[in-house]
């Protein structure tokens, strides 16, 4: 099996690790699993080029801290973070810190494998820049209100709070949210948020250059 198909998994749940190992093996990936952050980081320098699947909820340490330490050692490895349901703010922080993607629990096998395949295809900064440019173009197709709703979602606010903040009904938020996702060409909220985060990264980069 090609070494570039290696997927390193860090999760403290043994049942999850066993399940992921079976799934990844069946999809022709080479899984290497860890149940402790210290063991994972100790081995990170010896990792072959590949992809990391990192749960941000770990005992005694934040997965974001593990991500930071990993990327200081290995900038050549794509990182996919796994967040709790509705934990959008953590996902945003992870992507700003350099994560390739994020998955929100509970996720489907299809979503996981698709994210991993996409991570392997993002091998250069050019690919990342191209993704950011694509996100900016897609965001530009939104109406002002749809953009406001997306910004609120990226900030981690639920529909009810968005409605209060924008002075509209929850039903109206739902309508704008559905139209926003249709314009962006996505089916899952996590995908829409990812587009929003990538567009924000473009704004951050522009600000850094000033």
N, C-alpha and C. Protein backbone atom coordinates (compact mmCIF):
# COMPACT_ATOMS: atom_id res chain seq x y z
N UNK A 1 0.84 -1.21 0.00
CA UNK A 1 0.00 0.00 0.00
C UNK A 1 0.88 1.25 0.00
N UNK A 2 0.49 2.26 -0.73
CA UNK A 2 1.29 3.48 -0.82
C UNK A 2 1.34 4.17 0.53
N UNK A 3 2.53 4.64 0.89
CA UNK A 3 2.70 5.25 2.21
C UNK A 3 1.88 6.53 2.36
N UNK A 4 1.60 7.20 1.24
CA UNK A 4 0.85 8.45 1.35
C UNK A 4 -0.62 8.23 1.70
N UNK A 5 -1.04 6.97 1.81
CA UNK A 5 -2.42 6.67 2.18
C UNK A 5 -2.54 6.39 3.68
N UNK A 6 -1.53 6.72 4.45
CA UNK A 6 -1.56 6.48 5.88
C UNK A 6 -2.43 7.51 6.59
N UNK A 7 -3.31 7.04 7.47
CA UNK A 7 -4.16 7.91 8.27
C UNK A 7 -3.87 7.65 9.74
N UNK A 8 -3.43 8.68 10.44
CA UNK A 8 -3.13 8.58 11.87
C UNK A 8 -4.35 9.06 12.64
N UNK A 9 -4.82 8.26 13.56
CA UNK A 9 -6.04 8.55 14.30
C UNK A 9 -5.74 8.70 15.79
N UNK A 10 -6.18 9.81 16.38
CA UNK A 10 -6.05 10.01 17.82
C UNK A 10 -7.45 10.17 18.42
N UNK A 11 -7.82 9.19 19.25
CA UNK A 11 -9.13 9.20 19.92
C UNK A 11 -8.98 8.35 21.18
N UNK A 12 -9.58 8.79 22.28
CA UNK A 12 -9.43 8.05 23.54
C UNK A 12 -10.46 6.94 23.72
N UNK A 13 -11.34 6.77 22.72
CA UNK A 13 -12.37 5.73 22.79
C UNK A 13 -11.92 4.50 22.00
N UNK A 14 -11.66 3.40 22.70
CA UNK A 14 -11.15 2.19 22.04
C UNK A 14 -12.14 1.64 21.01
N UNK A 15 -13.43 1.72 21.30
CA UNK A 15 -14.44 1.22 20.36
C UNK A 15 -14.42 2.04 19.08
N UNK A 16 -14.25 3.34 19.21
CA UNK A 16 -14.18 4.21 18.04
C UNK A 16 -12.93 3.88 17.22
N UNK A 17 -11.82 3.66 17.90
CA UNK A 17 -10.58 3.33 17.19
C UNK A 17 -10.71 2.02 16.43
N UNK A 18 -11.33 1.03 17.04
CA UNK A 18 -11.51 -0.25 16.35
C UNK A 18 -12.40 -0.09 15.12
N UNK A 19 -13.47 0.67 15.27
CA UNK A 19 -14.39 0.89 14.16
C UNK A 19 -13.71 1.64 13.01
N UNK A 20 -12.95 2.69 13.35
CA UNK A 20 -12.26 3.46 12.33
C UNK A 20 -11.18 2.63 11.64
N UNK A 21 -10.53 1.78 12.40
CA UNK A 21 -9.49 0.94 11.81
C UNK A 21 -10.08 0.02 10.74
N UNK A 22 -11.24 -0.57 11.05
CA UNK A 22 -11.90 -1.44 10.08
C UNK A 22 -12.34 -0.65 8.85
N UNK A 23 -12.95 0.50 9.08
CA UNK A 23 -13.45 1.32 7.97
C UNK A 23 -12.32 1.79 7.07
N UNK A 24 -11.27 2.31 7.66
CA UNK A 24 -10.16 2.85 6.87
C UNK A 24 -9.45 1.75 6.09
N UNK A 25 -9.29 0.59 6.72
CA UNK A 25 -8.65 -0.53 6.03
C UNK A 25 -9.49 -0.97 4.83
N UNK A 26 -10.81 -1.00 5.01
CA UNK A 26 -11.70 -1.43 3.92
C UNK A 26 -11.68 -0.44 2.77
N UNK A 27 -11.29 0.82 3.05
CA UNK A 27 -11.24 1.86 2.01
C UNK A 27 -9.82 2.04 1.45
N UNK A 28 -8.96 1.07 1.73
CA UNK A 28 -7.59 1.06 1.21
C UNK A 28 -6.70 2.15 1.79
N UNK A 29 -7.00 2.56 3.04
CA UNK A 29 -6.09 3.42 3.77
C UNK A 29 -5.30 2.55 4.74
N UNK A 30 -4.20 3.09 5.22
CA UNK A 30 -3.41 2.40 6.22
C UNK A 30 -3.59 3.11 7.57
N UNK A 31 -4.45 2.58 8.45
CA UNK A 31 -4.71 3.26 9.71
C UNK A 31 -3.63 2.98 10.76
N UNK A 32 -3.24 4.02 11.47
CA UNK A 32 -2.34 3.91 12.62
C UNK A 32 -3.03 4.64 13.76
N UNK A 33 -3.39 3.92 14.82
CA UNK A 33 -4.23 4.51 15.86
C UNK A 33 -3.47 4.77 17.16
N UNK A 34 -3.93 5.83 17.85
CA UNK A 34 -3.37 6.20 19.16
C UNK A 34 -4.54 6.55 20.09
N UNK A 35 -4.40 6.17 21.36
CA UNK A 35 -5.44 6.52 22.33
C UNK A 35 -4.95 7.52 23.38
N UNK A 36 -3.68 7.97 23.24
CA UNK A 36 -3.15 8.94 24.19
C UNK A 36 -2.40 10.04 23.45
N UNK A 37 -2.66 11.31 23.78
CA UNK A 37 -1.99 12.43 23.11
C UNK A 37 -0.47 12.38 23.23
N UNK A 38 0.06 11.97 24.40
CA UNK A 38 1.51 11.95 24.58
C UNK A 38 2.17 10.93 23.67
N UNK A 39 1.55 9.77 23.52
CA UNK A 39 2.09 8.75 22.62
C UNK A 39 2.02 9.21 21.17
N UNK A 40 0.92 9.86 20.84
CA UNK A 40 0.74 10.38 19.48
C UNK A 40 1.83 11.40 19.14
N UNK A 41 2.03 12.38 20.03
CA UNK A 41 3.02 13.43 19.76
C UNK A 41 4.44 12.89 19.77
N UNK A 42 4.70 11.89 20.62
CA UNK A 42 6.04 11.30 20.67
C UNK A 42 6.38 10.61 19.35
N UNK A 43 5.36 10.07 18.69
CA UNK A 43 5.60 9.35 17.43
C UNK A 43 5.50 10.25 16.21
N UNK A 44 4.99 11.47 16.38
CA UNK A 44 4.67 12.33 15.23
C UNK A 44 5.85 12.62 14.32
N UNK A 45 7.03 12.77 14.90
CA UNK A 45 8.20 13.09 14.07
C UNK A 45 8.56 11.96 13.11
N UNK A 46 8.12 10.75 13.42
CA UNK A 46 8.45 9.60 12.58
C UNK A 46 7.33 9.27 11.59
N UNK A 47 6.23 10.03 11.63
CA UNK A 47 5.11 9.75 10.73
C UNK A 47 5.54 9.88 9.28
N UNK A 48 5.02 8.97 8.47
CA UNK A 48 5.14 9.13 7.03
C UNK A 48 4.16 10.22 6.60
N UNK A 49 4.36 10.77 5.44
CA UNK A 49 3.41 11.76 4.93
C UNK A 49 2.02 11.12 4.88
N UNK A 50 1.04 11.82 5.37
CA UNK A 50 -0.30 11.26 5.39
C UNK A 50 -1.31 12.24 5.90
N UNK A 51 -2.29 11.73 6.62
CA UNK A 51 -3.39 12.54 7.13
C UNK A 51 -3.66 12.16 8.58
N UNK A 52 -4.04 13.15 9.38
CA UNK A 52 -4.36 12.91 10.79
C UNK A 52 -5.84 13.17 11.03
N UNK A 53 -6.48 12.25 11.74
CA UNK A 53 -7.86 12.42 12.18
C UNK A 53 -7.80 12.64 13.69
N UNK A 54 -8.12 13.84 14.12
CA UNK A 54 -7.87 14.26 15.49
C UNK A 54 -9.16 14.67 16.20
N UNK A 55 -9.50 13.97 17.28
CA UNK A 55 -10.65 14.34 18.09
C UNK A 55 -10.23 15.47 19.01
N UNK A 56 -10.99 16.56 19.04
CA UNK A 56 -10.59 17.70 19.85
C UNK A 56 -10.93 17.50 21.33
N UNK A 57 -11.79 16.54 21.63
CA UNK A 57 -12.18 16.27 23.02
C UNK A 57 -11.36 15.10 23.55
N UNK A 58 -10.27 15.43 24.25
CA UNK A 58 -9.36 14.42 24.76
C UNK A 58 -9.19 14.61 26.27
N UNK A 59 -8.89 13.53 27.00
CA UNK A 59 -8.73 13.65 28.46
C UNK A 59 -7.46 14.40 28.84
N UNK A 60 -7.63 15.47 29.62
CA UNK A 60 -6.48 16.18 30.15
C UNK A 60 -5.83 17.18 29.24
N UNK A 61 -6.23 17.23 27.98
CA UNK A 61 -5.60 18.15 27.04
C UNK A 61 -6.57 18.47 25.91
N UNK A 62 -6.48 19.67 25.38
CA UNK A 62 -7.33 20.05 24.26
C UNK A 62 -6.74 19.51 22.95
N UNK A 63 -7.62 19.01 22.10
CA UNK A 63 -7.16 18.56 20.80
C UNK A 63 -6.56 19.69 20.00
N UNK A 64 -6.99 20.93 20.26
CA UNK A 64 -6.42 22.08 19.57
C UNK A 64 -4.95 22.28 19.97
N UNK A 65 -4.63 21.99 21.23
CA UNK A 65 -3.23 22.07 21.67
C UNK A 65 -2.40 21.00 20.99
N UNK A 66 -2.97 19.81 20.86
CA UNK A 66 -2.28 18.73 20.16
C UNK A 66 -2.05 19.12 18.70
N UNK A 67 -3.06 19.71 18.09
CA UNK A 67 -2.93 20.16 16.70
C UNK A 67 -1.79 21.17 16.56
N UNK A 68 -1.73 22.13 17.47
CA UNK A 68 -0.68 23.16 17.42
C UNK A 68 0.70 22.54 17.53
N UNK A 69 0.88 21.63 18.47
CA UNK A 69 2.18 20.97 18.64
C UNK A 69 2.53 20.11 17.43
N UNK A 70 1.54 19.43 16.89
CA UNK A 70 1.79 18.60 15.71
C UNK A 70 2.24 19.43 14.53
N UNK A 71 1.53 20.53 14.25
CA UNK A 71 1.85 21.34 13.08
C UNK A 71 3.17 22.09 13.24
N UNK A 72 3.64 22.28 14.48
CA UNK A 72 4.96 22.85 14.70
C UNK A 72 6.04 21.87 14.29
N UNK A 73 5.73 20.58 14.43
CA UNK A 73 6.69 19.54 14.06
C UNK A 73 6.55 19.11 12.61
N UNK A 74 5.29 19.01 12.14
CA UNK A 74 5.02 18.43 10.83
C UNK A 74 4.01 19.26 10.06
N UNK A 75 4.50 20.21 9.28
CA UNK A 75 3.62 21.04 8.47
C UNK A 75 3.20 20.33 7.19
N UNK A 76 3.74 19.13 6.96
CA UNK A 76 3.46 18.39 5.72
C UNK A 76 2.30 17.42 5.86
N UNK A 77 1.66 17.40 7.02
CA UNK A 77 0.59 16.43 7.26
C UNK A 77 -0.74 17.16 7.40
N UNK A 78 -1.74 16.73 6.63
CA UNK A 78 -3.07 17.32 6.71
C UNK A 78 -3.77 16.87 7.98
N UNK A 79 -4.48 17.79 8.63
CA UNK A 79 -5.17 17.48 9.87
C UNK A 79 -6.67 17.70 9.70
N UNK A 80 -7.45 16.68 10.03
CA UNK A 80 -8.90 16.78 10.06
C UNK A 80 -9.32 16.70 11.52
N UNK A 81 -10.01 17.71 12.02
CA UNK A 81 -10.43 17.70 13.41
C UNK A 81 -11.87 17.23 13.51
N UNK A 82 -12.15 16.51 14.59
CA UNK A 82 -13.50 16.01 14.86
C UNK A 82 -14.04 16.77 16.06
N UNK A 83 -15.16 17.46 15.88
CA UNK A 83 -15.73 18.27 16.95
C UNK A 83 -17.08 17.71 17.40
N UNK A 84 -17.51 18.14 18.57
CA UNK A 84 -18.83 17.76 19.05
C UNK A 84 -19.90 18.45 18.24
N UNK A 85 -21.09 17.92 18.27
CA UNK A 85 -22.20 18.49 17.50
C UNK A 85 -22.47 19.92 17.96
N UNK A 86 -22.52 20.84 17.01
CA UNK A 86 -22.79 22.23 17.32
C UNK A 86 -21.59 23.01 17.82
N UNK A 87 -20.43 22.37 17.88
CA UNK A 87 -19.24 23.05 18.39
C UNK A 87 -18.52 23.76 17.25
N UNK A 88 -19.21 24.73 16.67
CA UNK A 88 -18.71 25.42 15.49
C UNK A 88 -17.48 26.28 15.82
N UNK A 89 -17.49 26.93 16.97
CA UNK A 89 -16.39 27.82 17.33
C UNK A 89 -15.06 27.08 17.40
N UNK A 90 -15.09 25.84 17.92
CA UNK A 90 -13.87 25.04 17.96
C UNK A 90 -13.41 24.69 16.55
N UNK A 91 -14.37 24.37 15.68
CA UNK A 91 -14.03 24.06 14.30
C UNK A 91 -13.38 25.25 13.61
N UNK A 92 -13.92 26.44 13.85
CA UNK A 92 -13.36 27.65 13.26
C UNK A 92 -11.93 27.86 13.75
N UNK A 93 -11.72 27.70 15.06
CA UNK A 93 -10.38 27.87 15.62
C UNK A 93 -9.40 26.85 15.03
N UNK A 94 -9.85 25.63 14.85
CA UNK A 94 -8.98 24.58 14.30
C UNK A 94 -8.57 24.89 12.87
N UNK A 95 -9.52 25.38 12.07
CA UNK A 95 -9.21 25.68 10.67
C UNK A 95 -8.30 26.90 10.56
N UNK A 96 -8.52 27.89 11.41
CA UNK A 96 -7.64 29.05 11.40
C UNK A 96 -6.22 28.66 11.81
N UNK A 97 -6.11 27.62 12.63
CA UNK A 97 -4.80 27.15 13.07
C UNK A 97 -4.14 26.23 12.05
N UNK A 98 -4.84 25.95 10.94
CA UNK A 98 -4.21 25.16 9.88
C UNK A 98 -4.83 23.82 9.58
N UNK A 99 -5.95 23.48 10.23
CA UNK A 99 -6.60 22.21 9.93
C UNK A 99 -7.10 22.19 8.49
N UNK A 100 -7.04 21.03 7.87
CA UNK A 100 -7.50 20.88 6.50
C UNK A 100 -9.02 20.89 6.42
N UNK A 101 -9.67 20.33 7.44
CA UNK A 101 -11.12 20.21 7.42
C UNK A 101 -11.59 19.88 8.83
N UNK A 102 -12.90 19.86 9.02
CA UNK A 102 -13.45 19.41 10.29
C UNK A 102 -14.68 18.56 10.04
N UNK A 103 -14.93 17.64 10.95
CA UNK A 103 -16.11 16.80 10.91
C UNK A 103 -16.87 17.00 12.21
N UNK A 104 -18.18 17.09 12.10
CA UNK A 104 -19.02 17.28 13.27
C UNK A 104 -19.70 15.96 13.63
N UNK A 105 -19.57 15.55 14.89
CA UNK A 105 -20.23 14.32 15.33
C UNK A 105 -21.74 14.53 15.43
N UNK A 106 -22.53 13.51 15.08
CA UNK A 106 -22.11 12.25 14.48
C UNK A 106 -21.92 12.41 12.97
N UNK A 107 -20.90 11.85 12.42
CA UNK A 107 -20.65 11.96 10.98
C UNK A 107 -20.83 10.59 10.33
N UNK A 108 -21.10 10.61 9.03
CA UNK A 108 -21.29 9.35 8.30
C UNK A 108 -19.96 8.83 7.79
N UNK A 109 -19.90 7.56 7.49
CA UNK A 109 -18.69 6.97 6.90
C UNK A 109 -18.36 7.68 5.59
N UNK A 110 -19.40 8.00 4.82
CA UNK A 110 -19.19 8.67 3.54
C UNK A 110 -18.54 10.03 3.73
N UNK A 111 -19.02 10.78 4.72
CA UNK A 111 -18.45 12.10 4.99
C UNK A 111 -16.99 11.99 5.44
N UNK A 112 -16.71 11.02 6.29
CA UNK A 112 -15.35 10.83 6.78
C UNK A 112 -14.39 10.48 5.64
N UNK A 113 -14.76 9.49 4.85
CA UNK A 113 -13.88 9.07 3.76
C UNK A 113 -13.71 10.18 2.72
N UNK A 114 -14.78 10.92 2.47
CA UNK A 114 -14.69 12.03 1.53
C UNK A 114 -13.75 13.11 2.02
N UNK A 115 -13.81 13.40 3.31
CA UNK A 115 -12.93 14.41 3.89
C UNK A 115 -11.47 13.97 3.82
N UNK A 116 -11.23 12.69 4.08
CA UNK A 116 -9.86 12.17 4.03
C UNK A 116 -9.32 12.21 2.61
N UNK A 117 -10.14 11.79 1.66
CA UNK A 117 -9.71 11.83 0.26
C UNK A 117 -9.38 13.26 -0.15
N UNK A 118 -10.22 14.21 0.26
CA UNK A 118 -9.98 15.61 -0.08
C UNK A 118 -8.70 16.12 0.58
N UNK A 119 -8.45 15.67 1.81
CA UNK A 119 -7.24 16.11 2.51
C UNK A 119 -5.98 15.65 1.78
N UNK A 120 -6.01 14.44 1.25
CA UNK A 120 -4.84 13.94 0.51
C UNK A 120 -4.62 14.72 -0.79
N UNK A 121 -5.69 15.32 -1.31
CA UNK A 121 -5.55 16.06 -2.56
C UNK A 121 -5.06 17.48 -2.34
N UNK A 122 -5.09 17.95 -1.07
CA UNK A 122 -4.64 19.30 -0.75
C UNK A 122 -3.19 19.24 -0.30
N UNK A 123 -2.29 19.17 -1.25
CA UNK A 123 -0.89 18.92 -0.91
C UNK A 123 -0.02 20.16 -0.88
N UNK A 124 -0.52 21.27 -1.39
CA UNK A 124 0.33 22.46 -1.47
C UNK A 124 -0.43 23.69 -1.00
N UNK A 125 0.33 24.75 -0.70
CA UNK A 125 -0.29 26.02 -0.34
C UNK A 125 -1.13 26.56 -1.49
N UNK A 126 -0.71 26.21 -2.73
CA UNK A 126 -1.48 26.64 -3.89
C UNK A 126 -2.89 26.08 -3.83
N UNK A 127 -3.00 24.79 -3.43
CA UNK A 127 -4.31 24.18 -3.31
C UNK A 127 -5.15 24.91 -2.27
N UNK A 128 -4.53 25.26 -1.15
CA UNK A 128 -5.24 25.97 -0.09
C UNK A 128 -5.67 27.36 -0.58
N UNK A 129 -4.77 28.05 -1.27
CA UNK A 129 -5.11 29.37 -1.80
C UNK A 129 -6.24 29.27 -2.82
N UNK A 130 -6.20 28.23 -3.62
CA UNK A 130 -7.26 28.04 -4.61
C UNK A 130 -8.61 27.79 -3.94
N UNK A 131 -8.60 27.01 -2.86
CA UNK A 131 -9.83 26.76 -2.11
C UNK A 131 -10.37 28.04 -1.49
N UNK A 132 -9.47 28.85 -0.95
CA UNK A 132 -9.89 30.11 -0.34
C UNK A 132 -10.50 31.02 -1.40
N UNK A 133 -9.85 31.09 -2.58
CA UNK A 133 -10.38 31.90 -3.67
C UNK A 133 -11.74 31.42 -4.12
N UNK A 134 -11.93 30.11 -4.17
CA UNK A 134 -13.21 29.54 -4.56
C UNK A 134 -14.28 29.89 -3.52
N UNK A 135 -13.90 29.84 -2.25
CA UNK A 135 -14.84 30.17 -1.17
C UNK A 135 -15.28 31.63 -1.27
N UNK A 136 -14.35 32.52 -1.55
CA UNK A 136 -14.66 33.94 -1.68
C UNK A 136 -15.64 34.16 -2.83
N UNK A 137 -15.42 33.48 -3.95
CA UNK A 137 -16.31 33.62 -5.11
C UNK A 137 -17.71 33.10 -4.79
N UNK A 138 -17.78 31.99 -4.06
CA UNK A 138 -19.08 31.43 -3.73
C UNK A 138 -19.83 32.32 -2.73
N UNK A 139 -19.10 32.88 -1.78
CA UNK A 139 -19.72 33.80 -0.82
C UNK A 139 -20.29 35.02 -1.53
N UNK A 140 -19.62 35.44 -2.60
CA UNK A 140 -20.05 36.63 -3.33
C UNK A 140 -21.41 36.44 -4.01
N UNK A 141 -21.87 35.19 -4.16
CA UNK A 141 -23.17 34.93 -4.79
C UNK A 141 -24.32 35.09 -3.80
N UNK A 142 -24.02 35.24 -2.52
CA UNK A 142 -25.07 35.33 -1.51
C UNK A 142 -25.66 36.73 -1.45
N UNK A 143 -26.92 36.79 -1.04
CA UNK A 143 -27.54 38.08 -0.77
C UNK A 143 -26.97 38.61 0.55
N UNK A 144 -27.10 39.91 0.80
CA UNK A 144 -26.59 40.45 2.07
C UNK A 144 -27.15 39.73 3.29
N UNK A 145 -28.44 39.40 3.30
CA UNK A 145 -29.03 38.72 4.44
C UNK A 145 -28.51 37.29 4.57
N UNK A 146 -28.36 36.61 3.44
CA UNK A 146 -27.81 35.25 3.48
C UNK A 146 -26.38 35.26 4.01
N UNK A 147 -25.64 36.28 3.64
CA UNK A 147 -24.27 36.41 4.14
C UNK A 147 -24.28 36.65 5.65
N UNK A 148 -25.22 37.46 6.12
CA UNK A 148 -25.32 37.71 7.56
C UNK A 148 -25.64 36.42 8.32
N UNK A 149 -26.55 35.63 7.77
CA UNK A 149 -26.90 34.36 8.41
C UNK A 149 -25.70 33.43 8.46
N UNK A 150 -24.95 33.35 7.36
CA UNK A 150 -23.76 32.50 7.34
C UNK A 150 -22.74 32.98 8.36
N UNK A 151 -22.51 34.29 8.42
CA UNK A 151 -21.56 34.83 9.39
C UNK A 151 -21.96 34.47 10.82
N UNK A 152 -23.27 34.53 11.09
CA UNK A 152 -23.77 34.17 12.42
C UNK A 152 -23.54 32.69 12.71
N UNK A 153 -23.75 31.85 11.70
CA UNK A 153 -23.53 30.41 11.87
C UNK A 153 -22.06 30.10 12.11
N UNK A 154 -21.19 30.78 11.38
CA UNK A 154 -19.75 30.57 11.56
C UNK A 154 -19.32 31.01 12.96
N UNK A 155 -20.04 31.96 13.52
CA UNK A 155 -19.74 32.42 14.88
C UNK A 155 -20.30 31.47 15.94
N UNK A 156 -21.00 30.43 15.48
CA UNK A 156 -21.49 29.42 16.41
C UNK A 156 -22.86 29.67 17.00
N UNK A 157 -23.62 30.59 16.42
CA UNK A 157 -24.92 30.92 16.98
C UNK A 157 -26.02 30.02 16.39
N UNK A 158 -26.95 29.54 17.20
CA UNK A 158 -28.08 28.74 16.71
C UNK A 158 -29.12 29.64 16.04
N UNK A 159 -30.07 29.03 15.34
CA UNK A 159 -31.07 29.79 14.60
C UNK A 159 -31.83 30.79 15.47
N UNK A 160 -32.21 30.37 16.68
CA UNK A 160 -32.99 31.24 17.56
C UNK A 160 -32.23 32.51 17.92
N UNK A 161 -30.94 32.35 18.20
CA UNK A 161 -30.12 33.51 18.56
C UNK A 161 -29.86 34.39 17.34
N UNK A 162 -29.71 33.76 16.18
CA UNK A 162 -29.53 34.52 14.94
C UNK A 162 -30.76 35.38 14.68
N UNK A 163 -31.92 34.77 14.87
CA UNK A 163 -33.18 35.50 14.66
C UNK A 163 -33.25 36.72 15.57
N UNK A 164 -32.90 36.54 16.83
CA UNK A 164 -32.93 37.66 17.79
C UNK A 164 -31.93 38.74 17.38
N UNK A 165 -30.72 38.31 17.01
CA UNK A 165 -29.66 39.26 16.67
C UNK A 165 -30.00 40.07 15.42
N UNK A 166 -30.64 39.41 14.42
CA UNK A 166 -30.96 40.08 13.16
C UNK A 166 -32.35 40.72 13.16
N UNK A 167 -33.13 40.48 14.20
CA UNK A 167 -34.46 41.06 14.27
C UNK A 167 -35.45 40.45 13.30
N UNK A 168 -35.32 39.15 13.06
CA UNK A 168 -36.23 38.44 12.16
C UNK A 168 -36.72 37.18 12.86
N UNK A 169 -37.68 36.49 12.25
CA UNK A 169 -38.22 35.28 12.86
C UNK A 169 -37.30 34.09 12.62
N UNK A 170 -37.45 33.06 13.45
CA UNK A 170 -36.67 31.83 13.27
C UNK A 170 -36.98 31.21 11.91
N UNK A 171 -38.25 31.25 11.52
CA UNK A 171 -38.65 30.69 10.23
C UNK A 171 -37.93 31.42 9.09
N UNK A 172 -37.81 32.73 9.20
CA UNK A 172 -37.11 33.51 8.16
C UNK A 172 -35.63 33.13 8.13
N UNK A 173 -35.05 32.91 9.29
CA UNK A 173 -33.65 32.46 9.35
C UNK A 173 -33.50 31.13 8.61
N UNK A 174 -34.45 30.22 8.85
CA UNK A 174 -34.40 28.90 8.20
C UNK A 174 -34.49 29.03 6.68
N UNK A 175 -35.34 29.96 6.21
CA UNK A 175 -35.48 30.17 4.77
C UNK A 175 -34.18 30.71 4.18
N UNK A 176 -33.60 31.71 4.83
CA UNK A 176 -32.34 32.29 4.34
C UNK A 176 -31.21 31.24 4.39
N UNK A 177 -31.23 30.44 5.44
CA UNK A 177 -30.20 29.40 5.59
C UNK A 177 -30.29 28.37 4.45
N UNK A 178 -31.52 27.96 4.12
CA UNK A 178 -31.71 27.00 3.04
C UNK A 178 -31.27 27.58 1.70
N UNK A 179 -31.62 28.84 1.44
CA UNK A 179 -31.22 29.49 0.19
C UNK A 179 -29.70 29.69 0.14
N UNK A 180 -29.12 30.03 1.27
CA UNK A 180 -27.67 30.22 1.35
C UNK A 180 -26.94 28.93 1.00
N UNK A 181 -27.40 27.82 1.54
CA UNK A 181 -26.75 26.54 1.27
C UNK A 181 -26.92 26.14 -0.19
N UNK A 182 -28.09 26.45 -0.75
CA UNK A 182 -28.33 26.15 -2.17
C UNK A 182 -27.39 26.96 -3.06
N UNK A 183 -27.21 28.24 -2.77
CA UNK A 183 -26.32 29.09 -3.56
C UNK A 183 -24.87 28.64 -3.45
N UNK A 184 -24.49 28.18 -2.26
CA UNK A 184 -23.11 27.73 -2.06
C UNK A 184 -22.87 26.35 -2.67
N UNK A 185 -23.94 25.64 -2.98
CA UNK A 185 -23.81 24.31 -3.57
C UNK A 185 -23.42 23.25 -2.56
N UNK A 186 -23.92 23.38 -1.32
CA UNK A 186 -23.60 22.42 -0.27
C UNK A 186 -24.88 21.80 0.28
N UNK A 187 -24.74 20.64 0.91
CA UNK A 187 -25.89 19.94 1.47
C UNK A 187 -25.87 19.92 2.99
N UNK A 188 -24.69 19.96 3.56
CA UNK A 188 -24.55 19.89 5.00
C UNK A 188 -24.13 21.25 5.56
N UNK A 189 -24.61 21.55 6.76
CA UNK A 189 -24.24 22.82 7.40
C UNK A 189 -22.73 22.92 7.58
N UNK A 190 -22.09 21.80 7.92
CA UNK A 190 -20.64 21.81 8.12
C UNK A 190 -19.91 22.27 6.86
N UNK A 191 -20.44 21.91 5.69
CA UNK A 191 -19.82 22.33 4.43
C UNK A 191 -19.96 23.84 4.25
N UNK A 192 -21.13 24.37 4.57
CA UNK A 192 -21.35 25.81 4.45
C UNK A 192 -20.43 26.57 5.39
N UNK A 193 -20.30 26.07 6.61
CA UNK A 193 -19.44 26.72 7.59
C UNK A 193 -17.98 26.68 7.12
N UNK A 194 -17.60 25.58 6.50
CA UNK A 194 -16.22 25.48 6.00
C UNK A 194 -15.96 26.54 4.93
N UNK A 195 -16.93 26.75 4.05
CA UNK A 195 -16.78 27.79 3.03
C UNK A 195 -16.65 29.16 3.71
N UNK A 196 -17.50 29.39 4.71
CA UNK A 196 -17.44 30.65 5.43
C UNK A 196 -16.11 30.87 6.13
N UNK A 197 -15.57 29.80 6.73
CA UNK A 197 -14.28 29.90 7.42
C UNK A 197 -13.16 30.19 6.43
N UNK A 198 -13.18 29.50 5.29
CA UNK A 198 -12.14 29.73 4.28
C UNK A 198 -12.17 31.17 3.78
N UNK A 199 -13.37 31.71 3.59
CA UNK A 199 -13.48 33.10 3.15
C UNK A 199 -12.93 34.04 4.21
N UNK A 200 -13.15 33.73 5.47
CA UNK A 200 -12.60 34.54 6.55
C UNK A 200 -11.08 34.47 6.58
N UNK A 201 -10.54 33.32 6.22
CA UNK A 201 -9.08 33.20 6.18
C UNK A 201 -8.49 34.15 5.14
N UNK A 202 -9.22 34.34 4.04
CA UNK A 202 -8.77 35.29 3.02
C UNK A 202 -8.74 36.70 3.57
N UNK A 203 -9.77 37.06 4.35
CA UNK A 203 -9.82 38.39 4.95
C UNK A 203 -8.67 38.57 5.94
N UNK A 204 -8.41 37.51 6.76
CA UNK A 204 -7.33 37.57 7.73
C UNK A 204 -5.98 37.74 7.05
N UNK A 205 -5.79 37.00 5.94
CA UNK A 205 -4.52 37.08 5.21
C UNK A 205 -4.33 38.45 4.62
N UNK A 206 -5.41 39.06 4.11
CA UNK A 206 -5.31 40.40 3.53
C UNK A 206 -4.94 41.42 4.61
N UNK A 207 -5.52 41.22 5.80
CA UNK A 207 -5.21 42.13 6.90
C UNK A 207 -3.77 42.01 7.35
N UNK A 208 -3.23 40.78 7.33
CA UNK A 208 -1.86 40.55 7.76
C UNK A 208 -0.85 41.21 6.83
N UNK A 209 -1.24 41.40 5.55
CA UNK A 209 -0.31 41.96 4.57
C UNK A 209 -0.23 43.49 4.64
N UNK A 210 -1.19 44.09 5.37
CA UNK A 210 -1.21 45.55 5.44
C UNK A 210 -0.11 46.08 6.36
